[in-house]
Amino acid sequence: MKAKLPTQCPSCETLLSVTQLTCESCQTVVQGNYPLPIFLQLSPKEQEFILQFFLTSGSLKEMASQLGISYPTVRNQLDDMIQHIKDLNI
């Protein structure tokens, strides 16, 4: 099983930030305090939705068909995600 990058603190559930990056080739280390990319700030369910959206070339109708749910449900999920992303202050 492939290890997943943790995005939330196991103690208080606050979003983590990236503080160190390492080059595996030359061992250069870059340190700082960088926010997680917006995609990683989304829930796994939201990430899966975006992947499905991409794989269906942005067709909500096709997504609804593949997921076995109604088009309005898919549209509402998309609208909720758009608002969530706006609330993250990007």
Protein backbone atom coordinates (compact mmCIF):
# COMPACT_ATOMS: atom_id res chain seq x y z
CA MET A 1 0.00 0.00 0.00
CA LYS A 2 1.32 3.41 -0.98
CA ALA A 3 1.74 5.84 1.93
CA LYS A 4 -0.49 8.92 1.77
CA LEU A 5 0.75 12.41 2.53
CA PRO A 6 -0.84 13.54 5.79
CA THR A 7 -2.66 16.85 5.44
CA GLN A 8 -4.07 17.30 8.95
CA CYS A 9 -2.40 17.36 12.35
CA PRO A 10 -3.15 14.09 14.17
CA SER A 11 -3.59 16.02 17.45
CA CYS A 12 -5.76 19.03 16.59
CA GLU A 13 -6.78 18.34 12.96
CA THR A 14 -5.42 21.70 11.72
CA LEU A 15 -4.04 21.68 8.16
CA LEU A 16 -0.34 20.91 8.07
CA SER A 17 2.15 22.94 6.04
CA VAL A 18 5.22 21.79 4.13
CA THR A 19 8.46 22.79 5.87
CA GLN A 20 11.11 20.79 4.04
CA LEU A 21 11.70 19.41 0.55
CA THR A 22 14.61 17.14 -0.33
CA CYS A 23 16.10 16.26 -3.72
CA GLU A 24 16.63 12.48 -3.78
CA SER A 25 19.29 12.85 -6.47
CA CYS A 26 21.72 15.34 -4.90
CA GLN A 27 20.31 15.59 -1.35
CA THR A 28 19.73 19.35 -1.59
CA VAL A 29 17.31 20.43 1.14
CA VAL A 30 14.97 23.41 0.88
CA GLN A 31 13.41 24.63 4.10
CA GLY A 32 10.63 27.13 4.70
CA ASN A 33 6.97 27.21 5.58
CA TYR A 34 4.80 26.55 2.54
CA PRO A 35 1.03 25.97 2.45
CA LEU A 36 -0.30 22.74 1.02
CA PRO A 37 -1.48 23.00 -2.59
CA ILE A 38 -5.21 23.69 -2.84
CA PHE A 39 -5.93 20.16 -4.12
CA LEU A 40 -4.45 18.65 -0.95
CA GLN A 41 -6.54 20.95 1.23
CA LEU A 42 -9.68 19.31 -0.13
CA SER A 43 -11.24 16.22 1.38
CA PRO A 44 -10.57 12.83 -0.25
CA LYS A 45 -14.19 12.87 -1.51
CA GLU A 46 -13.64 16.27 -3.13
CA GLN A 47 -10.36 15.11 -4.66
CA GLU A 48 -12.12 12.08 -6.14
CA PHE A 49 -14.84 14.34 -7.56
CA ILE A 50 -12.22 16.49 -9.30
CA LEU A 51 -10.53 13.38 -10.72
CA GLN A 52 -13.86 12.10 -12.07
CA PHE A 53 -14.64 15.55 -13.49
CA PHE A 54 -11.29 15.51 -15.29
CA LEU A 55 -11.69 11.94 -16.56
CA THR A 56 -15.12 12.74 -18.01
CA SER A 57 -13.73 15.84 -19.76
CA GLY A 58 -15.79 18.07 -17.49
CA SER A 59 -19.11 16.48 -18.39
CA LEU A 60 -21.40 16.59 -15.37
CA LYS A 61 -23.94 14.58 -17.33
CA GLU A 62 -21.39 11.80 -17.90
CA MET A 63 -20.33 11.94 -14.25
CA ALA A 64 -23.94 11.56 -13.11
CA SER A 65 -24.35 8.57 -15.40
CA GLN A 66 -21.14 6.88 -14.19
CA LEU A 67 -21.90 7.55 -10.52
CA GLY A 68 -25.54 6.51 -10.81
CA ILE A 69 -26.85 9.79 -9.39
CA SER A 70 -28.85 12.65 -10.85
CA TYR A 71 -27.37 15.55 -12.77
CA PRO A 72 -28.71 18.10 -10.20
CA THR A 73 -26.94 16.16 -7.42
CA VAL A 74 -23.63 16.32 -9.30
CA ARG A 75 -24.21 20.02 -10.04
CA ASN A 76 -24.88 20.70 -6.35
CA GLN A 77 -21.71 18.85 -5.36
CA LEU A 78 -19.73 20.97 -7.82
CA ASP A 79 -21.31 24.17 -6.49
CA ASP A 80 -20.47 23.13 -2.91
CA MET A 81 -16.85 22.47 -3.89
CA ILE A 82 -16.57 25.82 -5.65
CA GLN A 83 -17.78 27.56 -2.50
CA HIS A 84 -15.42 25.50 -0.32
CA ILE A 85 -12.46 26.48 -2.50
CA LYS A 86 -13.50 30.15 -2.36
CA ASP A 87 -13.71 29.86 1.45
CA LEU A 88 -10.11 28.62 1.55
CA ASN A 89 -9.11 32.13 0.42
CA ILE A 90 -7.11 31.21 -2.64
